[in-house]
Amino acid sequence: MKGSAEKNSGPRGLKGSIGFGPRLRRIAVLGGIGILAVVFGSMLVGVPLWGHRPQEAGGADPPQIKGIENPKNLPMLLDFGRGVCIPCKMMKPVLEEVAKEYDGKLLVKILEIDQYRDLMKQFQVHLIPTQIFIDSKGKVFHRHEGFMDKASVVEVLTRMGVKR
């Protein structure tokens, strides 16, 4: 029975006592590729996989936002971005249109990150663009990271109770 010990050694008849069979190797490689796809895909669409998570109602932000004038205590939409960032450039016309439609009922601010570093720290902005929706009491109602289309912005404003 020459060679029979080699055939039957190891788990489930795989050759050798240590190592992976071809099927297990394929699964490991495909799993690794899947993980890389999720990580890099999330980076492309602006969704962090770890660290800060978007915060819903009841944030712990102070009512006064340094550097932002809001004498009427209107709800606010703050957009943190940078003029050279492609998704930030895509956000600008959306925000300008929303500002016109909600004039007198919502304060929309497009904030260049280089000029508002303290606010970036205060709101824990780690990715641009980031939109932060703040109610009239100064509490964070919703935040979004990455490009946000007009319909999504309007949907959040509706949930906040802001009317056109």
N, C-alpha and C. Protein backbone atom coordinates (compact mmCIF):
# COMPACT_ATOMS: atom_id res chain seq x y z
N MET A 1 0.84 -1.18 0.00
CA MET A 1 0.00 0.00 0.00
C MET A 1 0.88 1.24 0.00
N LYS A 2 1.69 1.29 -0.99
CA LYS A 2 2.59 2.41 -1.12
C LYS A 2 1.77 3.65 -1.51
N GLY A 3 1.99 4.77 -0.80
CA GLY A 3 1.31 6.02 -1.11
C GLY A 3 -0.05 6.17 -0.44
N SER A 4 -0.61 5.13 0.20
CA SER A 4 -1.92 5.27 0.81
C SER A 4 -1.86 6.17 2.04
N ALA A 5 -0.76 6.20 2.73
CA ALA A 5 -0.63 7.07 3.90
C ALA A 5 -0.66 8.53 3.46
N GLU A 6 -0.09 8.80 2.29
CA GLU A 6 -0.06 10.16 1.78
C GLU A 6 -1.47 10.62 1.40
N LYS A 7 -2.24 9.71 0.80
CA LYS A 7 -3.59 10.04 0.37
C LYS A 7 -4.51 10.34 1.55
N ASN A 8 -4.40 9.59 2.61
CA ASN A 8 -5.34 9.70 3.71
C ASN A 8 -4.87 10.58 4.85
N SER A 9 -3.69 11.15 4.75
CA SER A 9 -3.23 11.98 5.85
C SER A 9 -3.83 13.38 5.72
N GLY A 10 -3.95 14.04 6.85
CA GLY A 10 -4.49 15.40 6.86
C GLY A 10 -6.01 15.37 6.90
N PRO A 11 -6.63 16.54 7.08
CA PRO A 11 -8.08 16.62 7.18
C PRO A 11 -8.75 16.33 5.85
N ARG A 12 -9.78 15.53 5.90
CA ARG A 12 -10.64 15.19 4.77
C ARG A 12 -9.87 14.69 3.54
N GLY A 13 -8.81 13.96 3.80
CA GLY A 13 -8.09 13.32 2.71
C GLY A 13 -7.21 14.25 1.91
N LEU A 14 -6.95 15.49 2.40
CA LEU A 14 -6.05 16.39 1.68
C LEU A 14 -4.63 15.94 1.89
N LYS A 15 -3.80 16.14 0.90
CA LYS A 15 -2.42 15.71 1.02
C LYS A 15 -1.70 16.55 2.05
N GLY A 16 -0.84 15.93 2.80
CA GLY A 16 -0.05 16.64 3.81
C GLY A 16 -0.86 16.83 5.08
N SER A 17 -0.19 17.02 6.18
CA SER A 17 -0.90 17.16 7.44
C SER A 17 -1.21 18.61 7.77
N ILE A 18 -0.52 19.55 7.14
CA ILE A 18 -0.76 20.96 7.40
C ILE A 18 -0.93 21.65 6.05
N GLY A 19 -1.84 22.64 6.00
CA GLY A 19 -2.01 23.39 4.76
C GLY A 19 -3.46 23.42 4.34
N PHE A 20 -3.71 24.15 3.28
CA PHE A 20 -5.06 24.29 2.76
C PHE A 20 -5.15 23.60 1.42
N GLY A 21 -6.29 23.03 1.17
CA GLY A 21 -6.55 22.45 -0.13
C GLY A 21 -6.87 23.53 -1.13
N PRO A 22 -6.98 23.19 -2.40
CA PRO A 22 -7.25 24.19 -3.43
C PRO A 22 -8.58 24.91 -3.22
N ARG A 23 -9.57 24.22 -2.72
CA ARG A 23 -10.88 24.83 -2.50
C ARG A 23 -10.81 25.89 -1.39
N LEU A 24 -10.14 25.55 -0.29
CA LEU A 24 -10.00 26.50 0.81
C LEU A 24 -9.16 27.70 0.38
N ARG A 25 -8.14 27.48 -0.44
CA ARG A 25 -7.34 28.60 -0.93
C ARG A 25 -8.19 29.54 -1.78
N ARG A 26 -9.03 28.99 -2.64
CA ARG A 26 -9.91 29.83 -3.47
C ARG A 26 -10.84 30.65 -2.59
N ILE A 27 -11.41 30.04 -1.56
CA ILE A 27 -12.32 30.75 -0.65
C ILE A 27 -11.57 31.88 0.06
N ALA A 28 -10.35 31.60 0.53
CA ALA A 28 -9.56 32.62 1.22
C ALA A 28 -9.24 33.78 0.30
N VAL A 29 -8.86 33.50 -0.93
CA VAL A 29 -8.53 34.56 -1.89
C VAL A 29 -9.77 35.38 -2.23
N LEU A 30 -10.89 34.71 -2.51
CA LEU A 30 -12.12 35.43 -2.84
C LEU A 30 -12.62 36.26 -1.65
N GLY A 31 -12.48 35.73 -0.46
CA GLY A 31 -12.86 36.49 0.74
C GLY A 31 -12.03 37.74 0.89
N GLY A 32 -10.72 37.61 0.66
CA GLY A 32 -9.82 38.76 0.73
C GLY A 32 -10.17 39.81 -0.31
N ILE A 33 -10.49 39.37 -1.52
CA ILE A 33 -10.88 40.30 -2.58
C ILE A 33 -12.18 41.00 -2.20
N GLY A 34 -13.12 40.28 -1.62
CA GLY A 34 -14.38 40.87 -1.18
C GLY A 34 -14.18 41.94 -0.13
N ILE A 35 -13.32 41.67 0.82
CA ILE A 35 -13.03 42.65 1.88
C ILE A 35 -12.42 43.90 1.27
N LEU A 36 -11.46 43.74 0.37
CA LEU A 36 -10.84 44.90 -0.29
C LEU A 36 -11.87 45.70 -1.07
N ALA A 37 -12.78 45.02 -1.74
CA ALA A 37 -13.82 45.72 -2.52
C ALA A 37 -14.70 46.56 -1.61
N VAL A 38 -15.07 46.03 -0.46
CA VAL A 38 -15.91 46.78 0.48
C VAL A 38 -15.16 48.00 1.01
N VAL A 39 -13.90 47.82 1.40
CA VAL A 39 -13.12 48.92 1.96
C VAL A 39 -12.94 50.02 0.92
N PHE A 40 -12.47 49.68 -0.28
CA PHE A 40 -12.23 50.70 -1.29
C PHE A 40 -13.53 51.27 -1.84
N GLY A 41 -14.56 50.47 -1.94
CA GLY A 41 -15.85 50.97 -2.38
C GLY A 41 -16.41 51.99 -1.41
N SER A 42 -16.27 51.74 -0.12
CA SER A 42 -16.77 52.68 0.88
C SER A 42 -16.00 53.98 0.84
N MET A 43 -14.71 53.92 0.52
CA MET A 43 -13.91 55.14 0.41
C MET A 43 -14.37 55.98 -0.77
N LEU A 44 -14.76 55.33 -1.86
CA LEU A 44 -15.19 56.06 -3.05
C LEU A 44 -16.50 56.80 -2.84
N VAL A 45 -17.42 56.22 -2.11
CA VAL A 45 -18.72 56.86 -1.92
C VAL A 45 -18.79 57.68 -0.64
N GLY A 46 -17.71 57.71 0.12
CA GLY A 46 -17.67 58.58 1.28
C GLY A 46 -18.31 58.02 2.53
N VAL A 47 -18.25 56.73 2.73
CA VAL A 47 -18.83 56.11 3.92
C VAL A 47 -17.71 55.47 4.73
N PRO A 48 -17.42 56.00 5.94
CA PRO A 48 -16.35 55.40 6.73
C PRO A 48 -16.79 54.05 7.30
N LEU A 49 -15.85 53.12 7.39
CA LEU A 49 -16.17 51.79 7.92
C LEU A 49 -15.93 51.69 9.42
N TRP A 50 -15.17 52.60 9.97
CA TRP A 50 -14.87 52.54 11.39
C TRP A 50 -14.78 53.96 11.91
N GLY A 51 -14.62 54.11 13.21
CA GLY A 51 -14.51 55.43 13.81
C GLY A 51 -15.88 56.07 13.92
N HIS A 52 -15.97 57.32 13.52
CA HIS A 52 -17.20 58.10 13.69
C HIS A 52 -18.33 57.55 12.84
N ARG A 53 -19.48 57.45 13.42
CA ARG A 53 -20.69 57.05 12.71
C ARG A 53 -21.63 58.25 12.64
N PRO A 54 -22.41 58.37 11.58
CA PRO A 54 -23.35 59.47 11.51
C PRO A 54 -24.27 59.49 12.72
N GLN A 55 -24.55 60.70 13.20
CA GLN A 55 -25.31 60.88 14.43
C GLN A 55 -26.71 61.36 14.09
N GLU A 56 -27.68 60.79 14.71
CA GLU A 56 -29.06 61.23 14.51
C GLU A 56 -29.44 62.22 15.60
N ALA A 57 -30.72 62.44 15.78
CA ALA A 57 -31.23 63.44 16.71
C ALA A 57 -30.62 63.30 18.09
N GLY A 58 -30.50 64.44 18.77
CA GLY A 58 -30.04 64.42 20.16
C GLY A 58 -28.55 64.54 20.29
N GLY A 59 -27.87 65.18 19.34
CA GLY A 59 -26.43 65.35 19.43
C GLY A 59 -26.06 66.24 20.60
N ALA A 60 -24.79 66.20 20.99
CA ALA A 60 -24.33 66.96 22.15
C ALA A 60 -23.63 68.24 21.72
N ASP A 61 -23.95 68.78 20.57
CA ASP A 61 -23.31 69.99 20.11
C ASP A 61 -23.88 71.21 20.83
N PRO A 62 -23.01 72.18 21.16
CA PRO A 62 -23.51 73.37 21.84
C PRO A 62 -24.40 74.20 20.91
N PRO A 63 -25.37 74.95 21.47
CA PRO A 63 -26.26 75.74 20.64
C PRO A 63 -25.54 76.83 19.86
N GLN A 64 -24.45 77.38 20.39
CA GLN A 64 -23.69 78.42 19.70
C GLN A 64 -22.64 77.76 18.79
N ILE A 65 -22.67 78.17 17.54
CA ILE A 65 -21.71 77.62 16.59
C ILE A 65 -20.77 78.75 16.21
N LYS A 66 -19.55 78.65 16.68
CA LYS A 66 -18.56 79.71 16.51
C LYS A 66 -18.32 80.00 15.03
N GLY A 67 -18.44 81.28 14.69
CA GLY A 67 -18.16 81.70 13.32
C GLY A 67 -19.37 81.68 12.40
N ILE A 68 -20.53 81.25 12.89
CA ILE A 68 -21.75 81.20 12.08
C ILE A 68 -22.77 82.17 12.68
N GLU A 69 -23.13 83.18 11.92
CA GLU A 69 -24.15 84.14 12.35
C GLU A 69 -25.53 83.58 12.03
N ASN A 70 -26.37 83.46 13.05
CA ASN A 70 -27.73 82.97 12.86
C ASN A 70 -28.65 83.71 13.84
N PRO A 71 -28.86 85.02 13.61
CA PRO A 71 -29.63 85.82 14.57
C PRO A 71 -31.08 85.38 14.74
N LYS A 72 -31.67 84.76 13.72
CA LYS A 72 -33.08 84.34 13.80
C LYS A 72 -33.23 82.92 14.36
N ASN A 73 -32.11 82.27 14.72
CA ASN A 73 -32.14 80.90 15.21
C ASN A 73 -32.87 79.96 14.25
N LEU A 74 -32.56 80.11 12.98
CA LEU A 74 -33.15 79.24 11.96
C LEU A 74 -32.48 77.87 12.01
N PRO A 75 -33.18 76.84 11.56
CA PRO A 75 -32.49 75.56 11.35
C PRO A 75 -31.37 75.79 10.34
N MET A 76 -30.34 74.98 10.42
CA MET A 76 -29.17 75.18 9.55
C MET A 76 -28.80 73.91 8.80
N LEU A 77 -28.23 74.12 7.65
CA LEU A 77 -27.60 73.06 6.88
C LEU A 77 -26.18 73.52 6.62
N LEU A 78 -25.23 72.87 7.29
CA LEU A 78 -23.82 73.19 7.11
C LEU A 78 -23.21 72.15 6.18
N ASP A 79 -22.51 72.62 5.18
CA ASP A 79 -21.82 71.71 4.25
C ASP A 79 -20.33 71.97 4.35
N PHE A 80 -19.60 70.99 4.86
CA PHE A 80 -18.15 71.09 4.95
C PHE A 80 -17.55 70.50 3.69
N GLY A 81 -16.72 71.28 3.01
CA GLY A 81 -16.12 70.78 1.78
C GLY A 81 -14.91 71.60 1.40
N ARG A 82 -14.51 71.41 0.17
CA ARG A 82 -13.36 72.12 -0.37
C ARG A 82 -13.62 72.33 -1.85
N GLY A 83 -13.31 73.51 -2.34
CA GLY A 83 -13.60 73.88 -3.71
C GLY A 83 -13.01 72.98 -4.79
N VAL A 84 -11.96 72.25 -4.47
CA VAL A 84 -11.32 71.40 -5.48
C VAL A 84 -11.82 69.96 -5.46
N CYS A 85 -12.60 69.61 -4.47
CA CYS A 85 -13.14 68.25 -4.33
C CYS A 85 -14.32 68.08 -5.29
N ILE A 86 -14.31 67.02 -6.11
CA ILE A 86 -15.35 66.81 -7.12
C ILE A 86 -16.74 66.68 -6.49
N PRO A 87 -16.96 65.81 -5.48
CA PRO A 87 -18.30 65.73 -4.89
C PRO A 87 -18.71 67.05 -4.24
N CYS A 88 -17.73 67.83 -3.72
CA CYS A 88 -18.04 69.13 -3.13
C CYS A 88 -18.54 70.09 -4.20
N LYS A 89 -17.90 70.04 -5.36
CA LYS A 89 -18.33 70.88 -6.49
C LYS A 89 -19.74 70.48 -6.93
N MET A 90 -20.05 69.20 -6.88
CA MET A 90 -21.38 68.72 -7.26
C MET A 90 -22.44 69.17 -6.24
N MET A 91 -22.03 69.33 -4.98
CA MET A 91 -22.97 69.74 -3.93
C MET A 91 -23.36 71.21 -4.05
N LYS A 92 -22.46 72.05 -4.54
CA LYS A 92 -22.68 73.50 -4.54
C LYS A 92 -24.00 73.92 -5.21
N PRO A 93 -24.30 73.48 -6.45
CA PRO A 93 -25.58 73.89 -7.05
C PRO A 93 -26.80 73.35 -6.30
N VAL A 94 -26.68 72.16 -5.72
CA VAL A 94 -27.77 71.59 -4.93
C VAL A 94 -28.05 72.50 -3.73
N LEU A 95 -26.99 72.88 -3.04
CA LEU A 95 -27.13 73.71 -1.84
C LEU A 95 -27.64 75.10 -2.18
N GLU A 96 -27.17 75.66 -3.29
CA GLU A 96 -27.64 76.99 -3.70
C GLU A 96 -29.14 76.96 -4.03
N GLU A 97 -29.58 75.91 -4.68
CA GLU A 97 -31.00 75.76 -5.01
C GLU A 97 -31.85 75.60 -3.75
N VAL A 98 -31.37 74.79 -2.80
CA VAL A 98 -32.08 74.60 -1.53
C VAL A 98 -32.14 75.93 -0.76
N ALA A 99 -31.03 76.67 -0.77
CA ALA A 99 -30.99 77.96 -0.07
C ALA A 99 -32.04 78.92 -0.63
N LYS A 100 -32.21 78.94 -1.95
CA LYS A 100 -33.22 79.81 -2.58
C LYS A 100 -34.63 79.37 -2.20
N GLU A 101 -34.89 78.07 -2.27
CA GLU A 101 -36.23 77.55 -2.00
C GLU A 101 -36.65 77.71 -0.55
N TYR A 102 -35.68 77.66 0.37
CA TYR A 102 -35.98 77.73 1.80
C TYR A 102 -35.54 79.07 2.39
N ASP A 103 -35.43 80.10 1.57
CA ASP A 103 -34.98 81.40 2.02
C ASP A 103 -35.86 81.92 3.16
N GLY A 104 -35.23 82.33 4.26
CA GLY A 104 -35.96 82.83 5.42
C GLY A 104 -36.42 81.74 6.37
N LYS A 105 -36.26 80.48 5.98
CA LYS A 105 -36.70 79.36 6.82
C LYS A 105 -35.56 78.40 7.17
N LEU A 106 -34.44 78.56 6.46
CA LEU A 106 -33.28 77.68 6.65
C LEU A 106 -32.02 78.47 6.32
N LEU A 107 -31.01 78.31 7.14
CA LEU A 107 -29.71 78.93 6.87
C LEU A 107 -28.81 77.85 6.26
N VAL A 108 -28.38 78.07 5.03
CA VAL A 108 -27.50 77.13 4.35
C VAL A 108 -26.12 77.76 4.26
N LYS A 109 -25.12 77.05 4.77
CA LYS A 109 -23.75 77.55 4.75
C LYS A 109 -22.83 76.52 4.08
N ILE A 110 -22.09 76.98 3.08
CA ILE A 110 -21.06 76.15 2.45
C ILE A 110 -19.74 76.58 3.09
N LEU A 111 -19.13 75.68 3.82
CA LEU A 111 -17.95 76.00 4.61
C LEU A 111 -16.69 75.35 4.03
N GLU A 112 -15.72 76.17 3.69
CA GLU A 112 -14.42 75.67 3.23
C GLU A 112 -13.66 75.13 4.43
N ILE A 113 -13.21 73.90 4.36
CA ILE A 113 -12.59 73.27 5.54
C ILE A 113 -11.32 73.98 6.00
N ASP A 114 -10.61 74.62 5.06
CA ASP A 114 -9.39 75.32 5.45
C ASP A 114 -9.68 76.52 6.35
N GLN A 115 -10.87 77.09 6.24
CA GLN A 115 -11.22 78.27 7.02
C GLN A 115 -12.01 77.94 8.29
N TYR A 116 -12.47 76.71 8.43
CA TYR A 116 -13.33 76.34 9.56
C TYR A 116 -12.81 75.08 10.27
N ARG A 117 -11.53 75.07 10.58
CA ARG A 117 -10.92 73.90 11.23
C ARG A 117 -11.53 73.63 12.62
N ASP A 118 -11.83 74.69 13.37
CA ASP A 118 -12.42 74.49 14.71
C ASP A 118 -13.79 73.83 14.61
N LEU A 119 -14.59 74.27 13.64
CA LEU A 119 -15.91 73.64 13.46
C LEU A 119 -15.78 72.20 13.00
N MET A 120 -14.76 71.93 12.18
CA MET A 120 -14.52 70.54 11.76
C MET A 120 -14.27 69.66 12.98
N LYS A 121 -13.49 70.15 13.92
CA LYS A 121 -13.22 69.39 15.14
C LYS A 121 -14.49 69.27 15.98
N GLN A 122 -15.21 70.38 16.12
CA GLN A 122 -16.44 70.37 16.93
C GLN A 122 -17.44 69.35 16.41
N PHE A 123 -17.58 69.27 15.09
CA PHE A 123 -18.56 68.35 14.49
C PHE A 123 -17.94 67.04 14.03
N GLN A 124 -16.69 66.82 14.36
CA GLN A 124 -15.97 65.57 14.03
C GLN A 124 -16.10 65.23 12.55
N VAL A 125 -15.75 66.19 11.71
CA VAL A 125 -15.79 65.98 10.26
C VAL A 125 -14.49 65.30 9.86
N HIS A 126 -14.61 64.10 9.28
CA HIS A 126 -13.45 63.32 8.86
C HIS A 126 -13.43 63.09 7.37
N LEU A 127 -14.48 63.47 6.69
CA LEU A 127 -14.62 63.17 5.27
C LEU A 127 -15.37 64.33 4.62
N ILE A 128 -15.00 64.67 3.40
CA ILE A 128 -15.74 65.73 2.71
C ILE A 128 -16.32 65.20 1.42
N PRO A 129 -17.46 65.73 1.02
CA PRO A 129 -18.27 66.70 1.75
C PRO A 129 -19.05 66.03 2.89
N THR A 130 -19.31 66.81 3.93
CA THR A 130 -20.17 66.37 5.03
C THR A 130 -21.26 67.42 5.22
N GLN A 131 -22.51 66.97 5.25
CA GLN A 131 -23.64 67.86 5.48
C GLN A 131 -24.15 67.60 6.89
N ILE A 132 -24.30 68.69 7.66
CA ILE A 132 -24.81 68.58 9.02
C ILE A 132 -26.08 69.42 9.11
N PHE A 133 -27.17 68.78 9.48
CA PHE A 133 -28.46 69.44 9.63
C PHE A 133 -28.66 69.74 11.12
N ILE A 134 -28.88 71.01 11.44
CA ILE A 134 -29.00 71.44 12.83
C ILE A 134 -30.37 72.08 13.02
N ASP A 135 -31.08 71.66 14.06
CA ASP A 135 -32.40 72.22 14.32
C ASP A 135 -32.28 73.62 14.91
N SER A 136 -33.40 74.28 15.12
CA SER A 136 -33.40 75.67 15.61
C SER A 136 -32.91 75.79 17.05
N LYS A 137 -32.79 74.68 17.76
CA LYS A 137 -32.27 74.68 19.13
C LYS A 137 -30.76 74.45 19.17
N GLY A 138 -30.15 74.26 17.99
CA GLY A 138 -28.71 74.07 17.93
C GLY A 138 -28.27 72.62 18.06
N LYS A 139 -29.18 71.69 17.98
CA LYS A 139 -28.84 70.27 18.10
C LYS A 139 -28.72 69.64 16.72
N VAL A 140 -27.76 68.74 16.59
CA VAL A 140 -27.60 68.03 15.32
C VAL A 140 -28.79 67.10 15.13
N PHE A 141 -29.48 67.27 14.01
CA PHE A 141 -30.63 66.43 13.69
C PHE A 141 -30.20 65.25 12.82
N HIS A 142 -29.30 65.53 11.87
CA HIS A 142 -28.86 64.49 10.93
C HIS A 142 -27.52 64.91 10.34
N ARG A 143 -26.72 63.94 9.97
CA ARG A 143 -25.49 64.24 9.25
C ARG A 143 -25.31 63.21 8.15
N HIS A 144 -24.65 63.65 7.10
CA HIS A 144 -24.43 62.79 5.94
C HIS A 144 -23.03 63.05 5.42
N GLU A 145 -22.35 62.00 5.02
CA GLU A 145 -21.00 62.13 4.47
C GLU A 145 -21.00 61.68 3.03
N GLY A 146 -20.46 62.52 2.14
CA GLY A 146 -20.44 62.24 0.72
C GLY A 146 -21.46 63.10 0.00
N PHE A 147 -21.59 62.89 -1.31
CA PHE A 147 -22.55 63.66 -2.09
C PHE A 147 -23.97 63.33 -1.65
N MET A 148 -24.83 64.36 -1.63
CA MET A 148 -26.22 64.18 -1.24
C MET A 148 -27.08 64.90 -2.28
N ASP A 149 -27.96 64.17 -2.95
CA ASP A 149 -28.78 64.80 -3.98
C ASP A 149 -29.88 65.65 -3.33
N LYS A 150 -30.51 66.50 -4.16
CA LYS A 150 -31.51 67.44 -3.65
C LYS A 150 -32.69 66.73 -3.00
N ALA A 151 -33.17 65.66 -3.60
CA ALA A 151 -34.31 64.93 -3.04
C ALA A 151 -34.00 64.43 -1.63
N SER A 152 -32.79 63.97 -1.40
CA SER A 152 -32.41 63.49 -0.07
C SER A 152 -32.32 64.64 0.93
N VAL A 153 -31.80 65.78 0.48
CA VAL A 153 -31.72 66.95 1.35
C VAL A 153 -33.13 67.39 1.76
N VAL A 154 -34.03 67.47 0.78
CA VAL A 154 -35.41 67.88 1.04
C VAL A 154 -36.10 66.89 1.99
N GLU A 155 -35.82 65.61 1.82
CA GLU A 155 -36.42 64.59 2.70
C GLU A 155 -36.00 64.80 4.15
N VAL A 156 -34.72 65.11 4.38
CA VAL A 156 -34.25 65.35 5.75
C VAL A 156 -34.89 66.63 6.30
N LEU A 157 -34.97 67.67 5.47
CA LEU A 157 -35.59 68.92 5.92
C LEU A 157 -37.06 68.72 6.27
N THR A 158 -37.74 67.88 5.52
CA THR A 158 -39.15 67.57 5.80
C THR A 158 -39.27 66.86 7.15
N ARG A 159 -38.38 65.90 7.40
CA ARG A 159 -38.39 65.20 8.69
C ARG A 159 -38.10 66.16 9.84
N MET A 160 -37.28 67.19 9.56
CA MET A 160 -36.96 68.21 10.58
C MET A 160 -38.15 69.12 10.83
N GLY A 161 -39.09 69.14 9.91
CA GLY A 161 -40.25 70.03 10.05
C GLY A 161 -40.04 71.39 9.37
N VAL A 162 -39.02 71.50 8.53
CA VAL A 162 -38.75 72.74 7.82
C VAL A 162 -39.59 72.74 6.55
N LYS A 163 -40.39 73.80 6.40
CA LYS A 163 -41.27 73.90 5.23
C LYS A 163 -40.78 74.99 4.29
N ARG A 164 -41.08 74.82 3.01
CA ARG A 164 -40.67 75.81 2.01
C ARG A 164 -41.47 77.07 2.13
